[in-house]
Amino acid sequence: IWNTVLKGLVAILPLGLTVYVVYWL
């Protein structure tokens, strides 16, 4: 379960941070 959660985090974090940085700029 923990490994699956980490895989989801690795998949979503770059996309989420990119969208947030573009929005912030």
mmCIF file of all heavy atoms, coordinates in Angstrom:
data_MODEL
# 
_entry.id   MODEL 
# 
loop_
_atom_site.group_PDB 
_atom_site.id 
_atom_site.type_symbol 
_atom_site.label_atom_id 
_atom_site.label_alt_id 
_atom_site.label_comp_id 
_atom_site.label_asym_id 
_atom_site.label_entity_id 
_atom_site.label_seq_id 
_atom_site.pdbx_PDB_ins_code 
_atom_site.Cartn_x 
_atom_site.Cartn_y 
_atom_site.Cartn_z 
_atom_site.occupancy 
_atom_site.B_iso_or_equiv 
_atom_site.pdbx_formal_charge 
_atom_site.auth_seq_id 
_atom_site.auth_comp_id 
_atom_site.auth_asym_id 
_atom_site.auth_atom_id 
_atom_site.pdbx_PDB_model_num 
ATOM 1   N N   . ILE A 1 1  ? 0.854  -1.202 0.000   1.00 0.00 ? 1  ILE A N   1 
ATOM 2   C CA  . ILE A 1 1  ? 0.000  0.000  0.000   1.00 0.00 ? 1  ILE A CA  1 
ATOM 3   C C   . ILE A 1 1  ? 0.886  1.247  0.000   1.00 0.00 ? 1  ILE A C   1 
ATOM 4   O O   . ILE A 1 1  ? 0.649  2.197  -0.750  1.00 0.00 ? 1  ILE A O   1 
ATOM 5   C CB  . ILE A 1 1  ? -0.959 -0.004 1.207   1.00 0.00 ? 1  ILE A CB  1 
ATOM 6   C CG1 . ILE A 1 1  ? -1.970 -1.139 1.065   1.00 0.00 ? 1  ILE A CG1 1 
ATOM 7   C CG2 . ILE A 1 1  ? -1.671 1.338  1.345   1.00 0.00 ? 1  ILE A CG2 1 
ATOM 8   C CD1 . ILE A 1 1  ? -2.833 -1.346 2.290   1.00 0.00 ? 1  ILE A CD1 1 
ATOM 9   N N   . TRP A 1 2  ? 1.903  1.244  0.848   1.00 0.00 ? 2  TRP A N   1 
ATOM 10  C CA  . TRP A 1 2  ? 2.807  2.388  0.943   1.00 0.00 ? 2  TRP A CA  1 
ATOM 11  C C   . TRP A 1 2  ? 3.519  2.626  -0.392  1.00 0.00 ? 2  TRP A C   1 
ATOM 12  O O   . TRP A 1 2  ? 3.654  3.763  -0.838  1.00 0.00 ? 2  TRP A O   1 
ATOM 13  C CB  . TRP A 1 2  ? 3.806  2.171  2.061   1.00 0.00 ? 2  TRP A CB  1 
ATOM 14  C CG  . TRP A 1 2  ? 4.775  3.298  2.207   1.00 0.00 ? 2  TRP A CG  1 
ATOM 15  C CD1 . TRP A 1 2  ? 6.101  3.263  1.951   1.00 0.00 ? 2  TRP A CD1 1 
ATOM 16  C CD2 . TRP A 1 2  ? 4.488  4.630  2.616   1.00 0.00 ? 2  TRP A CD2 1 
ATOM 17  N NE1 . TRP A 1 2  ? 6.668  4.492  2.181   1.00 0.00 ? 2  TRP A NE1 1 
ATOM 18  C CE2 . TRP A 1 2  ? 5.688  5.355  2.602   1.00 0.00 ? 2  TRP A CE2 1 
ATOM 19  C CE3 . TRP A 1 2  ? 3.328  5.292  3.013   1.00 0.00 ? 2  TRP A CE3 1 
ATOM 20  C CZ2 . TRP A 1 2  ? 5.768  6.692  2.943   1.00 0.00 ? 2  TRP A CZ2 1 
ATOM 21  C CZ3 . TRP A 1 2  ? 3.422  6.634  3.362   1.00 0.00 ? 2  TRP A CZ3 1 
ATOM 22  C CH2 . TRP A 1 2  ? 4.614  7.311  3.328   1.00 0.00 ? 2  TRP A CH2 1 
ATOM 23  N N   . ASN A 1 3  ? 3.992  1.564  -1.037  1.00 0.00 ? 3  ASN A N   1 
ATOM 24  C CA  . ASN A 1 3  ? 4.653  1.697  -2.328  1.00 0.00 ? 3  ASN A CA  1 
ATOM 25  C C   . ASN A 1 3  ? 3.705  2.244  -3.392  1.00 0.00 ? 3  ASN A C   1 
ATOM 26  O O   . ASN A 1 3  ? 4.111  3.058  -4.226  1.00 0.00 ? 3  ASN A O   1 
ATOM 27  C CB  . ASN A 1 3  ? 5.224  0.351  -2.786  1.00 0.00 ? 3  ASN A CB  1 
ATOM 28  C CG  . ASN A 1 3  ? 6.456  -0.024 -2.016  1.00 0.00 ? 3  ASN A CG  1 
ATOM 29  O OD1 . ASN A 1 3  ? 7.106  0.811  -1.409  1.00 0.00 ? 3  ASN A OD1 1 
ATOM 30  N ND2 . ASN A 1 3  ? 6.780  -1.311 -2.022  1.00 0.00 ? 3  ASN A ND2 1 
ATOM 31  N N   . THR A 1 4  ? 2.465  1.826  -3.353  1.00 0.00 ? 4  THR A N   1 
ATOM 32  C CA  . THR A 1 4  ? 1.477  2.327  -4.314  1.00 0.00 ? 4  THR A CA  1 
ATOM 33  C C   . THR A 1 4  ? 1.206  3.810  -4.077  1.00 0.00 ? 4  THR A C   1 
ATOM 34  O O   . THR A 1 4  ? 1.092  4.587  -5.032  1.00 0.00 ? 4  THR A O   1 
ATOM 35  C CB  . THR A 1 4  ? 0.170  1.517  -4.209  1.00 0.00 ? 4  THR A CB  1 
ATOM 36  O OG1 . THR A 1 4  ? 0.477  0.123  -4.384  1.00 0.00 ? 4  THR A OG1 1 
ATOM 37  C CG2 . THR A 1 4  ? -0.833 1.948  -5.254  1.00 0.00 ? 4  THR A CG2 1 
ATOM 38  N N   . VAL A 1 5  ? 1.106  4.207  -2.813  1.00 0.00 ? 5  VAL A N   1 
ATOM 39  C CA  . VAL A 1 5  ? 0.903  5.625  -2.489  1.00 0.00 ? 5  VAL A CA  1 
ATOM 40  C C   . VAL A 1 5  ? 2.092  6.453  -2.965  1.00 0.00 ? 5  VAL A C   1 
ATOM 41  O O   . VAL A 1 5  ? 1.925  7.533  -3.530  1.00 0.00 ? 5  VAL A O   1 
ATOM 42  C CB  . VAL A 1 5  ? 0.662  5.811  -0.971  1.00 0.00 ? 5  VAL A CB  1 
ATOM 43  C CG1 . VAL A 1 5  ? 0.732  7.265  -0.571  1.00 0.00 ? 5  VAL A CG1 1 
ATOM 44  C CG2 . VAL A 1 5  ? -0.666 5.207  -0.567  1.00 0.00 ? 5  VAL A CG2 1 
ATOM 45  N N   . LEU A 1 6  ? 3.305  5.965  -2.753  1.00 0.00 ? 6  LEU A N   1 
ATOM 46  C CA  . LEU A 1 6  ? 4.494  6.687  -3.210  1.00 0.00 ? 6  LEU A CA  1 
ATOM 47  C C   . LEU A 1 6  ? 4.539  6.800  -4.730  1.00 0.00 ? 6  LEU A C   1 
ATOM 48  O O   . LEU A 1 6  ? 4.937  7.834  -5.269  1.00 0.00 ? 6  LEU A O   1 
ATOM 49  C CB  . LEU A 1 6  ? 5.761  6.011  -2.695  1.00 0.00 ? 6  LEU A CB  1 
ATOM 50  C CG  . LEU A 1 6  ? 6.072  6.233  -1.219  1.00 0.00 ? 6  LEU A CG  1 
ATOM 51  C CD1 . LEU A 1 6  ? 7.335  5.481  -0.823  1.00 0.00 ? 6  LEU A CD1 1 
ATOM 52  C CD2 . LEU A 1 6  ? 6.210  7.699  -0.893  1.00 0.00 ? 6  LEU A CD2 1 
ATOM 53  N N   . LYS A 1 7  ? 4.143  5.758  -5.442  1.00 0.00 ? 7  LYS A N   1 
ATOM 54  C CA  . LYS A 1 7  ? 4.090  5.821  -6.900  1.00 0.00 ? 7  LYS A CA  1 
ATOM 55  C C   . LYS A 1 7  ? 3.097  6.886  -7.359  1.00 0.00 ? 7  LYS A C   1 
ATOM 56  O O   . LYS A 1 7  ? 3.345  7.615  -8.319  1.00 0.00 ? 7  LYS A O   1 
ATOM 57  C CB  . LYS A 1 7  ? 3.707  4.468  -7.490  1.00 0.00 ? 7  LYS A CB  1 
ATOM 58  C CG  . LYS A 1 7  ? 4.810  3.454  -7.437  1.00 0.00 ? 7  LYS A CG  1 
ATOM 59  C CD  . LYS A 1 7  ? 4.333  2.132  -8.015  1.00 0.00 ? 7  LYS A CD  1 
ATOM 60  C CE  . LYS A 1 7  ? 5.391  1.068  -7.853  1.00 0.00 ? 7  LYS A CE  1 
ATOM 61  N NZ  . LYS A 1 7  ? 4.936  -0.246 -8.355  1.00 0.00 ? 7  LYS A NZ  1 
ATOM 62  N N   . GLY A 1 8  ? 1.959  6.963  -6.684  1.00 0.00 ? 8  GLY A N   1 
ATOM 63  C CA  . GLY A 1 8  ? 0.973  8.000  -7.007  1.00 0.00 ? 8  GLY A CA  1 
ATOM 64  C C   . GLY A 1 8  ? 1.521  9.392  -6.749  1.00 0.00 ? 8  GLY A C   1 
ATOM 65  O O   . GLY A 1 8  ? 1.305  10.313 -7.537  1.00 0.00 ? 8  GLY A O   1 
ATOM 66  N N   . LEU A 1 9  ? 2.235  9.539  -5.646  1.00 0.00 ? 9  LEU A N   1 
ATOM 67  C CA  . LEU A 1 9  ? 2.839  10.832 -5.314  1.00 0.00 ? 9  LEU A CA  1 
ATOM 68  C C   . LEU A 1 9  ? 3.876  11.232 -6.358  1.00 0.00 ? 9  LEU A C   1 
ATOM 69  O O   . LEU A 1 9  ? 3.908  12.387 -6.803  1.00 0.00 ? 9  LEU A O   1 
ATOM 70  C CB  . LEU A 1 9  ? 3.487  10.763 -3.930  1.00 0.00 ? 9  LEU A CB  1 
ATOM 71  C CG  . LEU A 1 9  ? 4.121  12.050 -3.414  1.00 0.00 ? 9  LEU A CG  1 
ATOM 72  C CD1 . LEU A 1 9  ? 3.050  13.119 -3.229  1.00 0.00 ? 9  LEU A CD1 1 
ATOM 73  C CD2 . LEU A 1 9  ? 4.840  11.786 -2.112  1.00 0.00 ? 9  LEU A CD2 1 
ATOM 74  N N   . VAL A 1 10 ? 4.702  10.290 -6.776  1.00 0.00 ? 10 VAL A N   1 
ATOM 75  C CA  . VAL A 1 10 ? 5.718  10.565 -7.790  1.00 0.00 ? 10 VAL A CA  1 
ATOM 76  C C   . VAL A 1 10 ? 5.067  10.948 -9.115  1.00 0.00 ? 10 VAL A C   1 
ATOM 77  O O   . VAL A 1 10 ? 5.589  11.775 -9.862  1.00 0.00 ? 10 VAL A O   1 
ATOM 78  C CB  . VAL A 1 10 ? 6.662  9.343  -7.954  1.00 0.00 ? 10 VAL A CB  1 
ATOM 79  C CG1 . VAL A 1 10 ? 7.513  9.459  -9.199  1.00 0.00 ? 10 VAL A CG1 1 
ATOM 80  C CG2 . VAL A 1 10 ? 7.533  9.186  -6.719  1.00 0.00 ? 10 VAL A CG2 1 
ATOM 81  N N   . ALA A 1 11 ? 3.915  10.374 -9.411  1.00 0.00 ? 11 ALA A N   1 
ATOM 82  C CA  . ALA A 1 11 ? 3.224  10.681 -10.665 1.00 0.00 ? 11 ALA A CA  1 
ATOM 83  C C   . ALA A 1 11 ? 2.542  12.039 -10.622 1.00 0.00 ? 11 ALA A C   1 
ATOM 84  O O   . ALA A 1 11 ? 2.531  12.778 -11.602 1.00 0.00 ? 11 ALA A O   1 
ATOM 85  C CB  . ALA A 1 11 ? 2.198  9.593  -10.974 1.00 0.00 ? 11 ALA A CB  1 
ATOM 86  N N   . ILE A 1 12 ? 1.977  12.417 -9.479  1.00 0.00 ? 12 ILE A N   1 
ATOM 87  C CA  . ILE A 1 12 ? 1.166  13.635 -9.391  1.00 0.00 ? 12 ILE A CA  1 
ATOM 88  C C   . ILE A 1 12 ? 1.965  14.862 -8.968  1.00 0.00 ? 12 ILE A C   1 
ATOM 89  O O   . ILE A 1 12 ? 1.667  15.964 -9.402  1.00 0.00 ? 12 ILE A O   1 
ATOM 90  C CB  . ILE A 1 12 ? -0.006 13.406 -8.409  1.00 0.00 ? 12 ILE A CB  1 
ATOM 91  C CG1 . ILE A 1 12 ? -0.909 12.385 -9.006  1.00 0.00 ? 12 ILE A CG1 1 
ATOM 92  C CG2 . ILE A 1 12 ? -0.681 14.678 -8.016  1.00 0.00 ? 12 ILE A CG2 1 
ATOM 93  C CD1 . ILE A 1 12 ? -2.349 12.503 -8.736  1.00 0.00 ? 12 ILE A CD1 1 
ATOM 94  N N   . LEU A 1 13 ? 2.985  14.690 -8.154  1.00 0.00 ? 13 LEU A N   1 
ATOM 95  C CA  . LEU A 1 13 ? 3.719  15.842 -7.621  1.00 0.00 ? 13 LEU A CA  1 
ATOM 96  C C   . LEU A 1 13 ? 4.338  16.725 -8.703  1.00 0.00 ? 13 LEU A C   1 
ATOM 97  O O   . LEU A 1 13 ? 4.171  17.948 -8.643  1.00 0.00 ? 13 LEU A O   1 
ATOM 98  C CB  . LEU A 1 13 ? 4.784  15.362 -6.630  1.00 0.00 ? 13 LEU A CB  1 
ATOM 99  C CG  . LEU A 1 13 ? 5.419  16.440 -5.765  1.00 0.00 ? 13 LEU A CG  1 
ATOM 100 C CD1 . LEU A 1 13 ? 4.363  17.126 -4.915  1.00 0.00 ? 13 LEU A CD1 1 
ATOM 101 C CD2 . LEU A 1 13 ? 6.485  15.836 -4.880  1.00 0.00 ? 13 LEU A CD2 1 
ATOM 102 N N   . PRO A 1 14 ? 5.049  16.204 -9.697  1.00 0.00 ? 14 PRO A N   1 
ATOM 103 C CA  . PRO A 1 14 ? 5.604  17.109 -10.715 1.00 0.00 ? 14 PRO A CA  1 
ATOM 104 C C   . PRO A 1 14 ? 4.532  17.882 -11.469 1.00 0.00 ? 14 PRO A C   1 
ATOM 105 O O   . PRO A 1 14 ? 4.684  19.076 -11.729 1.00 0.00 ? 14 PRO A O   1 
ATOM 106 C CB  . PRO A 1 14 ? 6.356  16.163 -11.666 1.00 0.00 ? 14 PRO A CB  1 
ATOM 107 C CG  . PRO A 1 14 ? 6.638  14.955 -10.876 1.00 0.00 ? 14 PRO A CG  1 
ATOM 108 C CD  . PRO A 1 14 ? 5.500  14.821 -9.906  1.00 0.00 ? 14 PRO A CD  1 
ATOM 109 N N   . LEU A 1 15 ? 3.450  17.235 -11.810 1.00 0.00 ? 15 LEU A N   1 
ATOM 110 C CA  . LEU A 1 15 ? 2.358  17.906 -12.510 1.00 0.00 ? 15 LEU A CA  1 
ATOM 111 C C   . LEU A 1 15 ? 1.728  18.981 -11.633 1.00 0.00 ? 15 LEU A C   1 
ATOM 112 O O   . LEU A 1 15 ? 1.532  20.117 -12.069 1.00 0.00 ? 15 LEU A O   1 
ATOM 113 C CB  . LEU A 1 15 ? 1.295  16.887 -12.939 1.00 0.00 ? 15 LEU A CB  1 
ATOM 114 C CG  . LEU A 1 15 ? 0.078  17.458 -13.643 1.00 0.00 ? 15 LEU A CG  1 
ATOM 115 C CD1 . LEU A 1 15 ? 0.475  18.064 -14.974 1.00 0.00 ? 15 LEU A CD1 1 
ATOM 116 C CD2 . LEU A 1 15 ? -0.960 16.378 -13.835 1.00 0.00 ? 15 LEU A CD2 1 
ATOM 117 N N   . GLY A 1 16 ? 1.441  18.640 -10.395 1.00 0.00 ? 16 GLY A N   1 
ATOM 118 C CA  . GLY A 1 16 ? 0.829  19.602 -9.479  1.00 0.00 ? 16 GLY A CA  1 
ATOM 119 C C   . GLY A 1 16 ? 1.721  20.797 -9.210  1.00 0.00 ? 16 GLY A C   1 
ATOM 120 O O   . GLY A 1 16 ? 1.263  21.945 -9.210  1.00 0.00 ? 16 GLY A O   1 
ATOM 121 N N   . LEU A 1 17 ? 3.004  20.556 -8.985  1.00 0.00 ? 17 LEU A N   1 
ATOM 122 C CA  . LEU A 1 17 ? 3.928  21.665 -8.741  1.00 0.00 ? 17 LEU A CA  1 
ATOM 123 C C   . LEU A 1 17 ? 4.096  22.540 -9.972  1.00 0.00 ? 17 LEU A C   1 
ATOM 124 O O   . LEU A 1 17 ? 4.184  23.760 -9.859  1.00 0.00 ? 17 LEU A O   1 
ATOM 125 C CB  . LEU A 1 17 ? 5.286  21.137 -8.284  1.00 0.00 ? 17 LEU A CB  1 
ATOM 126 C CG  . LEU A 1 17 ? 5.340  20.626 -6.853  1.00 0.00 ? 17 LEU A CG  1 
ATOM 127 C CD1 . LEU A 1 17 ? 6.721  20.044 -6.555  1.00 0.00 ? 17 LEU A CD1 1 
ATOM 128 C CD2 . LEU A 1 17 ? 5.012  21.710 -5.858  1.00 0.00 ? 17 LEU A CD2 1 
ATOM 129 N N   . THR A 1 18 ? 4.121  21.933 -11.140 1.00 0.00 ? 18 THR A N   1 
ATOM 130 C CA  . THR A 1 18 ? 4.240  22.713 -12.377 1.00 0.00 ? 18 THR A CA  1 
ATOM 131 C C   . THR A 1 18 ? 3.036  23.615 -12.566 1.00 0.00 ? 18 THR A C   1 
ATOM 132 O O   . THR A 1 18 ? 3.173  24.807 -12.862 1.00 0.00 ? 18 THR A O   1 
ATOM 133 C CB  . THR A 1 18 ? 4.395  21.779 -13.592 1.00 0.00 ? 18 THR A CB  1 
ATOM 134 O OG1 . THR A 1 18 ? 5.561  20.974 -13.394 1.00 0.00 ? 18 THR A OG1 1 
ATOM 135 C CG2 . THR A 1 18 ? 4.529  22.571 -14.870 1.00 0.00 ? 18 THR A CG2 1 
ATOM 136 N N   . VAL A 1 19 ? 1.846  23.075 -12.385 1.00 0.00 ? 19 VAL A N   1 
ATOM 137 C CA  . VAL A 1 19 ? 0.625  23.876 -12.515 1.00 0.00 ? 19 VAL A CA  1 
ATOM 138 C C   . VAL A 1 19 ? 0.618  24.997 -11.486 1.00 0.00 ? 19 VAL A C   1 
ATOM 139 O O   . VAL A 1 19 ? 0.290  26.145 -11.797 1.00 0.00 ? 19 VAL A O   1 
ATOM 140 C CB  . VAL A 1 19 ? -0.628 22.981 -12.380 1.00 0.00 ? 19 VAL A CB  1 
ATOM 141 C CG1 . VAL A 1 19 ? -1.885 23.803 -12.233 1.00 0.00 ? 19 VAL A CG1 1 
ATOM 142 C CG2 . VAL A 1 19 ? -0.727 22.041 -13.571 1.00 0.00 ? 19 VAL A CG2 1 
ATOM 143 N N   . TYR A 1 20 ? 1.027  24.699 -10.256 1.00 0.00 ? 20 TYR A N   1 
ATOM 144 C CA  . TYR A 1 20 ? 1.037  25.715 -9.215  1.00 0.00 ? 20 TYR A CA  1 
ATOM 145 C C   . TYR A 1 20 ? 2.037  26.824 -9.517  1.00 0.00 ? 20 TYR A C   1 
ATOM 146 O O   . TYR A 1 20 ? 1.729  28.010 -9.353  1.00 0.00 ? 20 TYR A O   1 
ATOM 147 C CB  . TYR A 1 20 ? 1.346  25.095 -7.847  1.00 0.00 ? 20 TYR A CB  1 
ATOM 148 C CG  . TYR A 1 20 ? 1.450  26.140 -6.765  1.00 0.00 ? 20 TYR A CG  1 
ATOM 149 C CD1 . TYR A 1 20 ? 0.303  26.753 -6.267  1.00 0.00 ? 20 TYR A CD1 1 
ATOM 150 C CD2 . TYR A 1 20 ? 2.679  26.551 -6.281  1.00 0.00 ? 20 TYR A CD2 1 
ATOM 151 C CE1 . TYR A 1 20 ? 0.384  27.737 -5.302  1.00 0.00 ? 20 TYR A CE1 1 
ATOM 152 C CE2 . TYR A 1 20 ? 2.768  27.529 -5.318  1.00 0.00 ? 20 TYR A CE2 1 
ATOM 153 C CZ  . TYR A 1 20 ? 1.620  28.119 -4.829  1.00 0.00 ? 20 TYR A CZ  1 
ATOM 154 O OH  . TYR A 1 20 ? 1.712  29.094 -3.885  1.00 0.00 ? 20 TYR A OH  1 
ATOM 155 N N   . VAL A 1 21 ? 3.243  26.471 -9.975  1.00 0.00 ? 21 VAL A N   1 
ATOM 156 C CA  . VAL A 1 21 ? 4.265  27.488 -10.267 1.00 0.00 ? 21 VAL A CA  1 
ATOM 157 C C   . VAL A 1 21 ? 3.820  28.383 -11.423 1.00 0.00 ? 21 VAL A C   1 
ATOM 158 O O   . VAL A 1 21 ? 3.981  29.608 -11.368 1.00 0.00 ? 21 VAL A O   1 
ATOM 159 C CB  . VAL A 1 21 ? 5.632  26.828 -10.553 1.00 0.00 ? 21 VAL A CB  1 
ATOM 160 C CG1 . VAL A 1 21 ? 6.613  27.806 -11.159 1.00 0.00 ? 21 VAL A CG1 1 
ATOM 161 C CG2 . VAL A 1 21 ? 6.203  26.235 -9.278  1.00 0.00 ? 21 VAL A CG2 1 
ATOM 162 N N   . VAL A 1 22 ? 3.235  27.789 -12.468 1.00 0.00 ? 22 VAL A N   1 
ATOM 163 C CA  . VAL A 1 22 ? 2.743  28.595 -13.593 1.00 0.00 ? 22 VAL A CA  1 
ATOM 164 C C   . VAL A 1 22 ? 1.623  29.519 -13.127 1.00 0.00 ? 22 VAL A C   1 
ATOM 165 O O   . VAL A 1 22 ? 1.592  30.709 -13.469 1.00 0.00 ? 22 VAL A O   1 
ATOM 166 C CB  . VAL A 1 22 ? 2.274  27.689 -14.752 1.00 0.00 ? 22 VAL A CB  1 
ATOM 167 C CG1 . VAL A 1 22 ? 1.520  28.470 -15.797 1.00 0.00 ? 22 VAL A CG1 1 
ATOM 168 C CG2 . VAL A 1 22 ? 3.468  26.980 -15.370 1.00 0.00 ? 22 VAL A CG2 1 
ATOM 169 N N   . TYR A 1 23 ? 0.700  29.012 -12.309 1.00 0.00 ? 23 TYR A N   1 
ATOM 170 C CA  . TYR A 1 23 ? -0.381 29.834 -11.764 1.00 0.00 ? 23 TYR A CA  1 
ATOM 171 C C   . TYR A 1 23 ? 0.189  30.964 -10.905 1.00 0.00 ? 23 TYR A C   1 
ATOM 172 O O   . TYR A 1 23 ? -0.220 32.119 -11.032 1.00 0.00 ? 23 TYR A O   1 
ATOM 173 C CB  . TYR A 1 23 ? -1.325 28.960 -10.937 1.00 0.00 ? 23 TYR A CB  1 
ATOM 174 C CG  . TYR A 1 23 ? -2.325 29.742 -10.134 1.00 0.00 ? 23 TYR A CG  1 
ATOM 175 C CD1 . TYR A 1 23 ? -3.454 30.283 -10.741 1.00 0.00 ? 23 TYR A CD1 1 
ATOM 176 C CD2 . TYR A 1 23 ? -2.149 29.953 -8.772  1.00 0.00 ? 23 TYR A CD2 1 
ATOM 177 C CE1 . TYR A 1 23 ? -4.370 31.012 -10.010 1.00 0.00 ? 23 TYR A CE1 1 
ATOM 178 C CE2 . TYR A 1 23 ? -3.059 30.684 -8.035  1.00 0.00 ? 23 TYR A CE2 1 
ATOM 179 C CZ  . TYR A 1 23 ? -4.163 31.208 -8.655  1.00 0.00 ? 23 TYR A CZ  1 
ATOM 180 O OH  . TYR A 1 23 ? -5.066 31.925 -7.929  1.00 0.00 ? 23 TYR A OH  1 
ATOM 181 N N   . TRP A 1 24 ? 1.143  30.641 -10.043 1.00 0.00 ? 24 TRP A N   1 
ATOM 182 C CA  . TRP A 1 24 ? 1.741  31.641 -9.167  1.00 0.00 ? 24 TRP A CA  1 
ATOM 183 C C   . TRP A 1 24 ? 2.437  32.732 -9.978  1.00 0.00 ? 24 TRP A C   1 
ATOM 184 O O   . TRP A 1 24 ? 2.309  33.918 -9.669  1.00 0.00 ? 24 TRP A O   1 
ATOM 185 C CB  . TRP A 1 24 ? 2.724  30.968 -8.213  1.00 0.00 ? 24 TRP A CB  1 
ATOM 186 C CG  . TRP A 1 24 ? 3.439  31.934 -7.336  1.00 0.00 ? 24 TRP A CG  1 
ATOM 187 C CD1 . TRP A 1 24 ? 2.967  32.544 -6.209  1.00 0.00 ? 24 TRP A CD1 1 
ATOM 188 C CD2 . TRP A 1 24 ? 4.762  32.439 -7.535  1.00 0.00 ? 24 TRP A CD2 1 
ATOM 189 N NE1 . TRP A 1 24 ? 3.918  33.384 -5.692  1.00 0.00 ? 24 TRP A NE1 1 
ATOM 190 C CE2 . TRP A 1 24 ? 5.031  33.340 -6.483  1.00 0.00 ? 24 TRP A CE2 1 
ATOM 191 C CE3 . TRP A 1 24 ? 5.737  32.205 -8.493  1.00 0.00 ? 24 TRP A CE3 1 
ATOM 192 C CZ2 . TRP A 1 24 ? 6.230  34.007 -6.375  1.00 0.00 ? 24 TRP A CZ2 1 
ATOM 193 C CZ3 . TRP A 1 24 ? 6.947  32.874 -8.379  1.00 0.00 ? 24 TRP A CZ3 1 
ATOM 194 C CH2 . TRP A 1 24 ? 7.184  33.760 -7.325  1.00 0.00 ? 24 TRP A CH2 1 
ATOM 195 N N   . LEU A 1 25 ? 3.184  32.347 -11.013 1.00 0.00 ? 25 LEU A N   1 
ATOM 196 C CA  . LEU A 1 25 ? 3.853  33.335 -11.849 1.00 0.00 ? 25 LEU A CA  1 
ATOM 197 C C   . LEU A 1 25 ? 2.858  34.250 -12.562 1.00 0.00 ? 25 LEU A C   1 
ATOM 198 O O   . LEU A 1 25 ? 3.056  35.462 -12.642 1.00 0.00 ? 25 LEU A O   1 
ATOM 199 C CB  . LEU A 1 25 ? 4.756  32.648 -12.881 1.00 0.00 ? 25 LEU A CB  1 
ATOM 200 C CG  . LEU A 1 25 ? 6.051  32.063 -12.351 1.00 0.00 ? 25 LEU A CG  1 
ATOM 201 C CD1 . LEU A 1 25 ? 6.735  31.233 -13.430 1.00 0.00 ? 25 LEU A CD1 1 
ATOM 202 C CD2 . LEU A 1 25 ? 6.970  33.145 -11.845 1.00 0.00 ? 25 LEU A CD2 1 
# 
